Each structure stands twice: as C-alpha cells, then as structure tokens.
Amino acid sequence: MTPQLLLVALVCAVGTPRVDCMRATALDVIVQPAASAIPTACLLEGEARLASGALELAPGTYPLFRCERRR
C-alpha cells in the first residue's frame, strides 16, 4: 500500500520568519513518504528524524515540517 502522506521538511535560513518559510523561500525541500497516515504522527516523525540525526541541517538553518496528502 502506498503511503497517503508525505513528510515535507522545508529547510529555511534562520533570518526567514517561520510564517515566511514555504517551498518558494526554502533553501532546500526534502520530501519523504510518511510512515503514518495520521497527520499528527507524521509531524512527530519529522521531529524524530531530526532528533535521531537522520536529517542533517547546515548551520544557520532550521526545519519546518509539513505533512501533505500524496496526489
């Protein structure tokens, strides 16, 4: 079965306010299938990947996680 959600990590510069961090302003966009079809669990998965070191960020950047329905 294909995952219904995609975990999207928008990597933005620290000078970019969170409200302005979007695909168009991100320095990098990382998209991966989410392990869960539940949006809250999907967002926690992003935080867990960051904490485990599976997602490495350059100095001066921060991630903003979003979960999107697969099209």
N, C-alpha and C. Protein backbone atom coordinates (compact mmCIF):
# COMPACT_ATOMS: atom_id res chain seq x y z
N MET A 1 0.84 -1.18 0.00
CA MET A 1 0.00 0.00 0.00
C MET A 1 0.89 1.26 0.00
N THR A 2 0.58 2.21 -0.83
CA THR A 2 1.34 3.44 -0.95
C THR A 2 0.99 4.37 0.21
N PRO A 3 1.99 4.97 0.87
CA PRO A 3 1.69 5.91 1.96
C PRO A 3 0.82 7.06 1.46
N GLN A 4 -0.15 7.45 2.27
CA GLN A 4 -1.06 8.52 1.89
C GLN A 4 -0.50 9.90 2.17
N LEU A 5 0.44 9.97 3.10
CA LEU A 5 1.03 11.26 3.46
C LEU A 5 2.50 11.32 3.08
N LEU A 6 2.92 12.52 2.77
CA LEU A 6 4.34 12.78 2.53
C LEU A 6 4.83 13.72 3.63
N LEU A 7 5.98 13.40 4.18
CA LEU A 7 6.62 14.26 5.16
C LEU A 7 7.49 15.25 4.37
N VAL A 8 7.21 16.52 4.52
CA VAL A 8 7.93 17.56 3.80
C VAL A 8 8.71 18.39 4.82
N ALA A 9 10.02 18.45 4.65
CA ALA A 9 10.86 19.28 5.50
C ALA A 9 11.32 20.48 4.68
N LEU A 10 10.88 21.65 5.08
CA LEU A 10 11.33 22.88 4.45
C LEU A 10 12.51 23.38 5.26
N VAL A 11 13.65 23.53 4.64
CA VAL A 11 14.85 24.00 5.34
C VAL A 11 15.03 25.47 5.00
N CYS A 12 14.86 26.31 6.02
CA CYS A 12 14.91 27.76 5.80
C CYS A 12 16.06 28.39 6.57
N ALA A 13 16.50 29.53 6.10
CA ALA A 13 17.54 30.30 6.78
C ALA A 13 16.98 30.88 8.07
N VAL A 14 17.82 30.97 9.10
CA VAL A 14 17.35 31.49 10.39
C VAL A 14 16.81 32.92 10.27
N GLY A 15 17.22 33.65 9.27
CA GLY A 15 16.71 35.00 9.05
C GLY A 15 15.32 35.04 8.45
N THR A 16 14.80 33.88 8.05
CA THR A 16 13.46 33.80 7.47
C THR A 16 12.46 33.50 8.58
N PRO A 17 11.50 34.40 8.82
CA PRO A 17 10.48 34.12 9.84
C PRO A 17 9.70 32.85 9.51
N ARG A 18 9.27 32.12 10.54
CA ARG A 18 8.54 30.86 10.33
C ARG A 18 7.33 31.05 9.41
N VAL A 19 6.63 32.16 9.52
CA VAL A 19 5.45 32.38 8.70
C VAL A 19 5.81 32.54 7.22
N ASP A 20 7.06 32.91 6.95
CA ASP A 20 7.51 33.09 5.57
C ASP A 20 8.27 31.87 5.03
N CYS A 21 8.44 30.85 5.86
CA CYS A 21 9.13 29.63 5.42
C CYS A 21 8.15 28.77 4.63
N MET A 22 8.35 28.72 3.32
CA MET A 22 7.48 27.94 2.43
C MET A 22 8.34 27.41 1.29
N ARG A 23 7.76 26.60 0.45
CA ARG A 23 8.54 26.00 -0.65
C ARG A 23 9.29 27.04 -1.46
N ALA A 24 8.67 28.18 -1.70
CA ALA A 24 9.28 29.21 -2.54
C ALA A 24 10.48 29.90 -1.86
N THR A 25 10.51 29.92 -0.52
CA THR A 25 11.58 30.62 0.18
C THR A 25 12.59 29.68 0.83
N ALA A 26 12.30 28.39 0.83
CA ALA A 26 13.19 27.41 1.47
C ALA A 26 14.50 27.26 0.71
N LEU A 27 15.57 27.03 1.46
CA LEU A 27 16.86 26.74 0.85
C LEU A 27 16.90 25.32 0.29
N ASP A 28 16.12 24.44 0.91
CA ASP A 28 16.04 23.05 0.47
C ASP A 28 14.67 22.52 0.85
N VAL A 29 14.15 21.60 0.06
CA VAL A 29 12.88 20.93 0.34
C VAL A 29 13.14 19.43 0.27
N ILE A 30 12.88 18.75 1.37
CA ILE A 30 13.11 17.31 1.45
C ILE A 30 11.74 16.64 1.58
N VAL A 31 11.43 15.73 0.67
CA VAL A 31 10.14 15.05 0.67
C VAL A 31 10.38 13.55 0.80
N GLN A 32 9.71 12.94 1.79
CA GLN A 32 9.83 11.51 2.02
C GLN A 32 8.46 10.95 2.35
N PRO A 33 8.20 9.69 2.01
CA PRO A 33 6.93 9.08 2.42
C PRO A 33 6.85 9.04 3.94
N ALA A 34 5.69 9.33 4.47
CA ALA A 34 5.48 9.26 5.92
C ALA A 34 5.11 7.82 6.29
N ALA A 35 5.56 7.41 7.46
CA ALA A 35 5.26 6.06 7.93
C ALA A 35 3.81 5.95 8.41
N SER A 36 3.21 7.06 8.76
CA SER A 36 1.85 7.05 9.31
C SER A 36 0.91 7.84 8.41
N ALA A 37 -0.34 7.44 8.41
CA ALA A 37 -1.37 8.17 7.66
C ALA A 37 -2.06 9.19 8.54
N ILE A 38 -1.63 9.30 9.80
CA ILE A 38 -2.21 10.25 10.74
C ILE A 38 -1.35 11.52 10.74
N PRO A 39 -1.94 12.68 10.42
CA PRO A 39 -1.15 13.91 10.30
C PRO A 39 -0.30 14.24 11.53
N THR A 40 -0.84 14.10 12.72
CA THR A 40 -0.06 14.42 13.93
C THR A 40 1.14 13.49 14.06
N ALA A 41 0.95 12.21 13.79
CA ALA A 41 2.05 11.25 13.86
C ALA A 41 3.09 11.56 12.78
N CYS A 42 2.64 12.02 11.64
CA CYS A 42 3.54 12.38 10.55
C CYS A 42 4.46 13.53 11.00
N LEU A 43 3.89 14.55 11.63
CA LEU A 43 4.69 15.68 12.10
C LEU A 43 5.69 15.25 13.16
N LEU A 44 5.27 14.38 14.06
CA LEU A 44 6.18 13.86 15.09
C LEU A 44 7.30 13.05 14.46
N GLU A 45 7.00 12.38 13.36
CA GLU A 45 8.02 11.61 12.65
C GLU A 45 9.13 12.53 12.15
N GLY A 46 8.76 13.71 11.68
CA GLY A 46 9.76 14.68 11.23
C GLY A 46 10.67 15.09 12.37
N GLU A 47 10.09 15.38 13.52
CA GLU A 47 10.88 15.76 14.70
C GLU A 47 11.78 14.60 15.13
N ALA A 48 11.27 13.38 15.05
CA ALA A 48 12.06 12.21 15.44
C ALA A 48 13.24 12.00 14.48
N ARG A 49 13.01 12.22 13.20
CA ARG A 49 14.11 12.09 12.23
C ARG A 49 15.19 13.13 12.49
N LEU A 50 14.78 14.33 12.86
CA LEU A 50 15.74 15.38 13.17
C LEU A 50 16.53 15.00 14.43
N ALA A 51 15.84 14.55 15.46
CA ALA A 51 16.49 14.20 16.72
C ALA A 51 17.45 13.01 16.57
N SER A 52 17.11 12.08 15.68
CA SER A 52 17.95 10.88 15.51
C SER A 52 19.17 11.14 14.64
N GLY A 53 19.22 12.30 14.01
CA GLY A 53 20.35 12.61 13.14
C GLY A 53 20.13 12.17 11.70
N ALA A 54 18.95 11.63 11.40
CA ALA A 54 18.65 11.20 10.03
C ALA A 54 18.49 12.39 9.09
N LEU A 55 18.25 13.55 9.66
CA LEU A 55 18.11 14.78 8.88
C LEU A 55 19.17 15.75 9.37
N GLU A 56 20.15 16.03 8.52
CA GLU A 56 21.22 16.94 8.91
C GLU A 56 20.96 18.32 8.31
N LEU A 57 21.16 19.32 9.13
CA LEU A 57 20.93 20.70 8.70
C LEU A 57 22.24 21.47 8.71
N ALA A 58 22.37 22.37 7.77
CA ALA A 58 23.53 23.25 7.72
C ALA A 58 23.41 24.29 8.83
N PRO A 59 24.53 24.78 9.33
CA PRO A 59 24.46 25.87 10.33
C PRO A 59 23.69 27.06 9.76
N GLY A 60 22.91 27.71 10.60
CA GLY A 60 22.16 28.88 10.17
C GLY A 60 20.84 28.55 9.49
N THR A 61 20.40 27.28 9.63
CA THR A 61 19.13 26.88 9.04
C THR A 61 18.26 26.21 10.10
N TYR A 62 16.98 26.10 9.79
CA TYR A 62 16.05 25.37 10.66
C TYR A 62 15.03 24.65 9.79
N PRO A 63 14.44 23.55 10.29
CA PRO A 63 13.44 22.84 9.50
C PRO A 63 12.02 23.25 9.91
N LEU A 64 11.15 23.23 8.96
CA LEU A 64 9.72 23.39 9.21
C LEU A 64 9.06 22.17 8.57
N PHE A 65 8.43 21.36 9.39
CA PHE A 65 7.82 20.12 8.89
C PHE A 65 6.36 20.34 8.54
N ARG A 66 5.99 19.74 7.44
CA ARG A 66 4.60 19.73 6.99
C ARG A 66 4.28 18.33 6.50
N CYS A 67 3.04 17.97 6.58
CA CYS A 67 2.60 16.70 6.03
C CYS A 67 1.57 17.00 4.96
N GLU A 68 1.78 16.42 3.80
CA GLU A 68 0.89 16.69 2.68
C GLU A 68 0.32 15.39 2.16
N ARG A 69 -0.89 15.44 1.67
CA ARG A 69 -1.51 14.27 1.05
C ARG A 69 -0.82 14.00 -0.28
N ARG A 70 -0.57 12.72 -0.50
CA ARG A 70 0.01 12.33 -1.79
C ARG A 70 -1.03 12.57 -2.87
N ARG A 71 -0.61 13.10 -3.98
CA ARG A 71 -1.54 13.39 -5.09
C ARG A 71 -1.66 12.23 -6.02
